[in-house]
């Protein structure tokens, strides 16, 4: 399978996780509590698969290949991709910290959905 097809298939998996993020947002807006285990599972998937596996492939293989054909890493699409990766990593960490502070994610504060909305826009 071509590397671009592999990366595209991986994006589809990550987009499926974002459907769950959207469901969490709806739940928060209805002022319904989130199950801490569900939040933790989602964030673990995004951190391990999204950051640890998928971003690694994009940065090690795709960015390098694009650089070899003349696209600079410090501007243009490669720089945008790398910036999105860093922002997604920060948002996932913010969400993990917020979840840890809540203990079990059962009490929701106003604006708890901001990280999720931003994460969807970044990914």
C-alpha atoms as a PDB file:
ATOM      1  CA  UNK A   1       0.000   0.000   0.000  1.00  0.00           C
ATOM      2  CA  UNK A   2       1.222   3.492  -0.816  1.00  0.00           C
ATOM      3  CA  UNK A   3       2.358   5.580   2.161  1.00  0.00           C
ATOM      4  CA  UNK A   4      -0.191   8.269   1.356  1.00  0.00           C
ATOM      5  CA  UNK A   5      -2.982   5.684   1.513  1.00  0.00           C
ATOM      6  CA  UNK A   6      -1.722   4.497   4.889  1.00  0.00           C
ATOM      7  CA  UNK A   7      -1.675   8.051   6.230  1.00  0.00           C
ATOM      8  CA  UNK A   8      -5.134   8.718   4.801  1.00  0.00           C
ATOM      9  CA  UNK A   9      -6.513   5.576   6.472  1.00  0.00           C
ATOM     10  CA  UNK A  10      -4.946   6.721   9.731  1.00  0.00           C
ATOM     11  CA  UNK A  11      -6.628  10.102   9.377  1.00  0.00           C
ATOM     12  CA  UNK A  12      -9.970   8.309   9.031  1.00  0.00           C
ATOM     13  CA  UNK A  13      -9.331   6.496  12.342  1.00  0.00           C
ATOM     14  CA  UNK A  14      -8.500   9.760  14.055  1.00  0.00           C
ATOM     15  CA  UNK A  15     -11.631  11.352  12.575  1.00  0.00           C
ATOM     16  CA  UNK A  16     -13.668   8.534  14.143  1.00  0.00           C
ATOM     17  CA  UNK A  17     -12.225   9.522  17.512  1.00  0.00           C
ATOM     18  CA  UNK A  18     -13.286  13.108  16.788  1.00  0.00           C
ATOM     19  CA  UNK A  19     -16.874  11.879  16.448  1.00  0.00           C
ATOM     20  CA  UNK A  20     -16.534  10.805  20.081  1.00  0.00           C
ATOM     21  CA  UNK A  21     -15.107  14.230  20.958  1.00  0.00           C
ATOM     22  CA  UNK A  22     -18.177  15.808  19.308  1.00  0.00           C
ATOM     23  CA  UNK A  23     -20.447  13.567  21.370  1.00  0.00           C
ATOM     24  CA  UNK A  24     -18.589  14.665  24.514  1.00  0.00           C
ATOM     25  CA  UNK A  25     -19.117  18.308  23.552  1.00  0.00           C
ATOM     26  CA  UNK A  26     -22.852  17.727  23.134  1.00  0.00           C
ATOM     27  CA  UNK A  27     -22.951  15.970  26.494  1.00  0.00           C
ATOM     28  CA  UNK A  28     -21.104  18.838  28.204  1.00  0.00           C
ATOM     29  CA  UNK A  29     -23.429  21.401  26.660  1.00  0.00           C
ATOM     30  CA  UNK A  30     -26.404  19.478  28.039  1.00  0.00           C
ATOM     31  CA  UNK A  31     -24.602  19.710  31.386  1.00  0.00           C
ATOM     32  CA  UNK A  32     -24.358  15.941  31.563  1.00  0.00           C
ATOM     33  CA  UNK A  33     -21.283  14.489  33.256  1.00  0.00           C
ATOM     34  CA  UNK A  34     -18.677  12.621  31.277  1.00  0.00           C
ATOM     35  CA  UNK A  35     -17.413   9.280  32.485  1.00  0.00           C
ATOM     36  CA  UNK A  36     -13.798   9.757  33.468  1.00  0.00           C
ATOM     37  CA  UNK A  37     -12.839   6.365  32.031  1.00  0.00           C
ATOM     38  CA  UNK A  38     -14.314   7.343  28.639  1.00  0.00           C
ATOM     39  CA  UNK A  39     -12.419  10.636  28.578  1.00  0.00           C
ATOM     40  CA  UNK A  40      -9.206   8.901  29.620  1.00  0.00           C
ATOM     41  CA  UNK A  41      -9.624   6.205  26.947  1.00  0.00           C
ATOM     42  CA  UNK A  42     -10.189   8.797  24.228  1.00  0.00           C
ATOM     43  CA  UNK A  43      -7.232  10.910  25.301  1.00  0.00           C
ATOM     44  CA  UNK A  44      -5.014   7.847  25.571  1.00  0.00           C
ATOM     45  CA  UNK A  45      -5.962   6.858  22.015  1.00  0.00           C
ATOM     46  CA  UNK A  46      -5.294  10.351  20.687  1.00  0.00           C
ATOM     47  CA  UNK A  47      -1.982  10.572  22.526  1.00  0.00           C
ATOM     48  CA  UNK A  48      -0.695   7.096  21.664  1.00  0.00           C
ATOM     49  CA  UNK A  49      -2.096   6.661  18.171  1.00  0.00           C
ATOM     50  CA  UNK A  50      -2.371  10.263  17.012  1.00  0.00           C
ATOM     51  CA  UNK A  51       0.769  11.672  18.559  1.00  0.00           C
ATOM     52  CA  UNK A  52       2.878   8.620  19.186  1.00  0.00           C
ATOM     53  CA  UNK A  53       2.286   6.772  15.941  1.00  0.00           C
ATOM     54  CA  UNK A  54       0.598   8.855  13.259  1.00  0.00           C
ATOM     55  CA  UNK A  55       2.369  12.162  13.897  1.00  0.00           C
ATOM     56  CA  UNK A  56       5.658  10.313  14.124  1.00  0.00           C
ATOM     57  CA  UNK A  57       5.110   8.799  10.652  1.00  0.00           C
ATOM     58  CA  UNK A  58       4.046  12.106   9.147  1.00  0.00           C
ATOM     59  CA  UNK A  59       6.994  13.925  10.633  1.00  0.00           C
ATOM     60  CA  UNK A  60       9.600  11.276   9.946  1.00  0.00           C
ATOM     61  CA  UNK A  61       8.462  10.117   6.502  1.00  0.00           C
ATOM     62  CA  UNK A  62       6.095  12.648   4.921  1.00  0.00           C
ATOM     63  CA  UNK A  63       7.807  15.828   6.096  1.00  0.00           C
ATOM     64  CA  UNK A  64      11.198  14.422   5.128  1.00  0.00           C
ATOM     65  CA  UNK A  65       9.956  13.392   1.669  1.00  0.00           C
ATOM     66  CA  UNK A  66       8.396  16.815   1.105  1.00  0.00           C
ATOM     67  CA  UNK A  67      11.606  18.464   2.253  1.00  0.00           C
ATOM     68  CA  UNK A  68      13.588  16.382  -0.242  1.00  0.00           C
ATOM     69  CA  UNK A  69      11.463  17.683  -3.112  1.00  0.00           C
ATOM     70  CA  UNK A  70      12.062  21.261  -2.034  1.00  0.00           C
ATOM     71  CA  UNK A  71       9.297  22.167   0.397  1.00  0.00           C
ATOM     72  CA  UNK A  72      10.850  23.941   3.381  1.00  0.00           C
ATOM     73  CA  UNK A  73      10.109  22.684   6.892  1.00  0.00           C
ATOM     74  CA  UNK A  74       9.932  26.191   8.330  1.00  0.00           C
ATOM     75  CA  UNK A  75       7.140  27.514   6.088  1.00  0.00           C
ATOM     76  CA  UNK A  76       4.308  26.320   3.898  1.00  0.00           C
ATOM     77  CA  UNK A  77       2.402  23.053   4.300  1.00  0.00           C
ATOM     78  CA  UNK A  78       5.105  21.202   6.219  1.00  0.00           C
ATOM     79  CA  UNK A  79       5.383  23.968   8.813  1.00  0.00           C
ATOM     80  CA  UNK A  80       1.582  24.102   9.073  1.00  0.00           C
ATOM     81  CA  UNK A  81       1.402  20.343   9.671  1.00  0.00           C
ATOM     82  CA  UNK A  82       4.109  20.490  12.328  1.00  0.00           C
ATOM     83  CA  UNK A  83       2.391  23.427  14.049  1.00  0.00           C
ATOM     84  CA  UNK A  84      -0.921  21.531  14.050  1.00  0.00           C
ATOM     85  CA  UNK A  85       0.783  18.533  15.616  1.00  0.00           C
ATOM     86  CA  UNK A  86       2.279  20.666  18.404  1.00  0.00           C
ATOM     87  CA  UNK A  87      -1.057  22.372  19.052  1.00  0.00           C
ATOM     88  CA  UNK A  88      -2.924  19.061  19.163  1.00  0.00           C
ATOM     89  CA  UNK A  89      -0.359  17.709  21.625  1.00  0.00           C
ATOM     90  CA  UNK A  90      -0.831  20.755  23.873  1.00  0.00           C
ATOM     91  CA  UNK A  91      -4.626  20.461  23.738  1.00  0.00           C
ATOM     92  CA  UNK A  92      -4.526  16.773  24.613  1.00  0.00           C
ATOM     93  CA  UNK A  93      -2.284  17.590  27.575  1.00  0.00           C
ATOM     94  CA  UNK A  94      -4.681  20.362  28.677  1.00  0.00           C
ATOM     95  CA  UNK A  95      -7.551  17.890  28.506  1.00  0.00           C
ATOM     96  CA  UNK A  96      -5.586  15.233  30.428  1.00  0.00           C
ATOM     97  CA  UNK A  97      -4.706  17.759  33.122  1.00  0.00           C
ATOM     98  CA  UNK A  98      -8.305  18.947  33.405  1.00  0.00           C
ATOM     99  CA  UNK A  99      -9.515  15.360  33.655  1.00  0.00           C
ATOM    100  CA  UNK A 100      -6.937  14.586  36.348  1.00  0.00           C
ATOM    101  CA  UNK A 101      -7.932  17.683  38.340  1.00  0.00           C
ATOM    102  CA  UNK A 102     -11.580  16.608  38.256  1.00  0.00           C
ATOM    103  CA  UNK A 103     -10.646  13.136  39.360  1.00  0.00           C
ATOM    104  CA  UNK A 104     -13.394  11.366  37.482  1.00  0.00           C
ATOM    105  CA  UNK A 105     -14.640  14.022  35.044  1.00  0.00           C
ATOM    106  CA  UNK A 106     -18.069  13.894  36.704  1.00  0.00           C
ATOM    107  CA  UNK A 107     -18.303  17.585  37.559  1.00  0.00           C
ATOM    108  CA  UNK A 108     -18.176  19.884  34.580  1.00  0.00           C
ATOM    109  CA  UNK A 109     -17.278  23.558  34.692  1.00  0.00           C
ATOM    110  CA  UNK A 110     -18.438  26.187  32.233  1.00  0.00           C
ATOM    111  CA  UNK A 111     -16.214  26.137  29.154  1.00  0.00           C
ATOM    112  CA  UNK A 112     -14.889  22.593  29.589  1.00  0.00           C
ATOM    113  CA  UNK A 113     -15.652  21.955  25.942  1.00  0.00           C
ATOM    114  CA  UNK A 114     -13.162  24.555  24.665  1.00  0.00           C
ATOM    115  CA  UNK A 115     -10.256  22.101  24.433  1.00  0.00           C
ATOM    116  CA  UNK A 116     -12.447  19.682  22.495  1.00  0.00           C
ATOM    117  CA  UNK A 117     -13.701  22.288  20.040  1.00  0.00           C
ATOM    118  CA  UNK A 118     -10.158  23.497  19.400  1.00  0.00           C
ATOM    119  CA  UNK A 119      -8.857  19.954  19.049  1.00  0.00           C
ATOM    120  CA  UNK A 120     -11.452  19.210  16.364  1.00  0.00           C
ATOM    121  CA  UNK A 121     -10.483  22.344  14.447  1.00  0.00           C
ATOM    122  CA  UNK A 122      -6.778  21.507  14.654  1.00  0.00           C
ATOM    123  CA  UNK A 123      -7.051  17.878  13.624  1.00  0.00           C
END
